[in-house]
C-alpha atoms as a PDB file:
ATOM      1  CA  MET A   1     -23.750  97.401  41.273  1.00  0.00           C
ATOM      2  CA  THR A   2     -23.124  96.089  37.748  1.00  0.00           C
ATOM      3  CA  GLN A   3     -23.424  92.411  36.851  1.00  0.00           C
ATOM      4  CA  ALA A   4     -20.053  91.343  35.499  1.00  0.00           C
ATOM      5  CA  VAL A   5     -20.644  87.691  34.597  1.00  0.00           C
ATOM      6  CA  CYS A   6     -23.614  85.353  34.633  1.00  0.00           C
ATOM      7  CA  ASN A   7     -23.793  81.587  35.224  1.00  0.00           C
ATOM      8  CA  SER A   8     -24.269  79.411  32.139  1.00  0.00           C
ATOM      9  CA  THR A   9     -22.678  81.931  29.754  1.00  0.00           C
ATOM     10  CA  PRO A  10     -19.456  81.535  27.732  1.00  0.00           C
ATOM     11  CA  PRO A  11     -17.157  83.291  30.258  1.00  0.00           C
ATOM     12  CA  CYS A  12     -18.758  81.534  33.215  1.00  0.00           C
ATOM     13  CA  SER A  13     -20.254  78.099  33.809  1.00  0.00           C
ATOM     14  CA  GLU A  14     -20.895  78.262  37.551  1.00  0.00           C
ATOM     15  CA  VAL A  15     -19.487  80.885  39.937  1.00  0.00           C
ATOM     16  CA  ASN A  16     -18.700  79.473  43.362  1.00  0.00           C
ATOM     17  CA  GLN A  17     -16.557  81.995  45.276  1.00  0.00           C
ATOM     18  CA  VAL A  18     -15.418  85.540  44.478  1.00  0.00           C
ATOM     19  CA  CYS A  19     -12.622  87.794  45.747  1.00  0.00           C
ATOM     20  CA  THR A  20     -10.572  90.778  44.597  1.00  0.00           C
ATOM     21  CA  TRP A  21      -6.932  90.434  43.613  1.00  0.00           C
ATOM     22  CA  ASN A  22      -4.604  93.071  42.135  1.00  0.00           C
ATOM     23  CA  GLY A  23      -7.553  95.360  41.408  1.00  0.00           C
ATOM     24  CA  LYS A  24      -9.483  92.672  39.516  1.00  0.00           C
ATOM     25  CA  VAL A  25     -12.412  90.417  40.447  1.00  0.00           C
ATOM     26  CA  VAL A  26     -11.370  86.761  40.604  1.00  0.00           C
ATOM     27  CA  TYR A  27     -13.777  83.825  40.869  1.00  0.00           C
ATOM     28  CA  THR A  28     -13.808  80.050  40.881  1.00  0.00           C
ATOM     29  CA  ASP A  29     -15.804  78.477  38.061  1.00  0.00           C
ATOM     30  CA  THR A  30     -16.780  75.100  39.513  1.00  0.00           C
ATOM     31  CA  LYS A  31     -18.107  73.472  36.342  1.00  0.00           C
ATOM     32  CA  ALA A  32     -15.194  74.622  34.166  1.00  0.00           C
ATOM     33  CA  GLY A  33     -12.600  73.796  36.849  1.00  0.00           C
ATOM     34  CA  LYS A  34     -10.897  77.148  36.398  1.00  0.00           C
ATOM     35  CA  VAL A  35      -9.961  80.307  38.235  1.00  0.00           C
ATOM     36  CA  MET A  36     -11.264  83.221  36.188  1.00  0.00           C
ATOM     37  CA  GLN A  37     -10.463  86.936  36.293  1.00  0.00           C
ATOM     38  CA  TYR A  38     -12.834  89.771  35.437  1.00  0.00           C
ATOM     39  CA  ASN A  39     -11.248  93.124  34.596  1.00  0.00           C
ATOM     40  CA  PRO A  40     -13.710  95.955  35.306  1.00  0.00           C
ATOM     41  CA  ASP A  41     -11.593  98.430  33.315  1.00  0.00           C
ATOM     42  CA  ASP A  42     -12.420  96.801  29.969  1.00  0.00           C
ATOM     43  CA  ASN A  43     -15.091  94.216  30.975  1.00  0.00           C
ATOM     44  CA  SER A  44     -12.853  91.350  29.849  1.00  0.00           C
ATOM     45  CA  VAL A  45     -12.808  87.848  31.339  1.00  0.00           C
ATOM     46  CA  ARG A  46      -9.852  85.469  31.130  1.00  0.00           C
ATOM     47  CA  ALA A  47      -8.766  82.200  32.691  1.00  0.00           C
ATOM     48  CA  LEU A  48      -6.038  82.541  35.319  1.00  0.00           C
ATOM     49  CA  ALA A  49      -5.554  78.867  36.145  1.00  0.00           C
ATOM     50  CA  GLY A  50      -6.976  75.469  35.362  1.00  0.00           C
ATOM     51  CA  SER A  51      -6.941  73.040  32.475  1.00  0.00           C
ATOM     52  CA  CYS A  52     -10.608  71.893  32.591  1.00  0.00           C
ATOM     53  CA  ASN A  53      -9.485  68.340  33.446  1.00  0.00           C
ATOM     54  CA  ASN A  54     -11.563  66.846  36.256  1.00  0.00           C
ATOM     55  CA  SER A  55      -8.535  65.802  38.287  1.00  0.00           C
ATOM     56  CA  SER A  56      -6.283  67.293  40.902  1.00  0.00           C
ATOM     57  CA  SER A  57      -2.722  67.942  39.742  1.00  0.00           C
ATOM     58  CA  ASP A  58      -0.055  70.557  40.251  1.00  0.00           C
ATOM     59  CA  GLY A  59       1.352  72.444  37.315  1.00  0.00           C
ATOM     60  CA  THR A  60       1.622  75.822  35.677  1.00  0.00           C
ATOM     61  CA  GLN A  61      -1.366  78.111  35.507  1.00  0.00           C
ATOM     62  CA  ASP A  62      -2.352  76.493  32.196  1.00  0.00           C
ATOM     63  CA  SER A  63      -1.602  72.858  33.070  1.00  0.00           C
ATOM     64  CA  CYS A  64      -2.793  72.584  36.686  1.00  0.00           C
ATOM     65  CA  SER A  65      -6.177  71.030  37.309  1.00  0.00           C
ATOM     66  CA  PHE A  66      -8.737  71.021  40.090  1.00  0.00           C
ATOM     67  CA  LYS A  67     -10.884  68.010  41.063  1.00  0.00           C
ATOM     68  CA  ARG A  68     -13.550  70.207  42.646  1.00  0.00           C
ATOM     69  CA  ILE A  69     -12.537  73.846  42.795  1.00  0.00           C
ATOM     70  CA  GLU A  70     -14.262  75.646  45.645  1.00  0.00           C
ATOM     71  CA  GLY A  71     -12.828  78.497  47.694  1.00  0.00           C
ATOM     72  CA  ILE A  72     -10.667  81.430  46.754  1.00  0.00           C
ATOM     73  CA  CYS A  73      -9.128  84.288  48.712  1.00  0.00           C
ATOM     74  CA  SER A  74      -6.247  86.710  48.390  1.00  0.00           C
ATOM     75  CA  VAL A  75      -3.698  88.085  50.822  1.00  0.00           C
ATOM     76  CA  GLU A  76      -1.737  90.996  49.380  1.00  0.00           C
ATOM     77  CA  LYS A  77      -0.392  89.704  46.031  1.00  0.00           C
ATOM     78  CA  THR A  78      -0.962  85.985  46.710  1.00  0.00           C
ATOM     79  CA  LEU A  79      -4.045  84.125  45.540  1.00  0.00           C
ATOM     80  CA  PHE A  80      -5.146  80.956  47.392  1.00  0.00           C
ATOM     81  CA  VAL A  81      -7.461  78.375  45.812  1.00  0.00           C
ATOM     82  CA  THR A  82      -8.968  75.266  47.405  1.00  0.00           C
END
């Protein structure tokens, strides 16, 4: 097993939950308030959703925010975040 990301590094503040989605590894970063995606093909990490605001509001993947992001899971092509 290869370590993809590490807590307290630039692409990751604090990993909470992890799942796979569309062939990628997706995780909730609790401190950053974001859903992050790790691509094992090129070892890249990018934000999928979350604005870093410590509030809970609907919006686009860039404008939505999470008060306390916790769980994540996927069913087929849908990603669920709590």
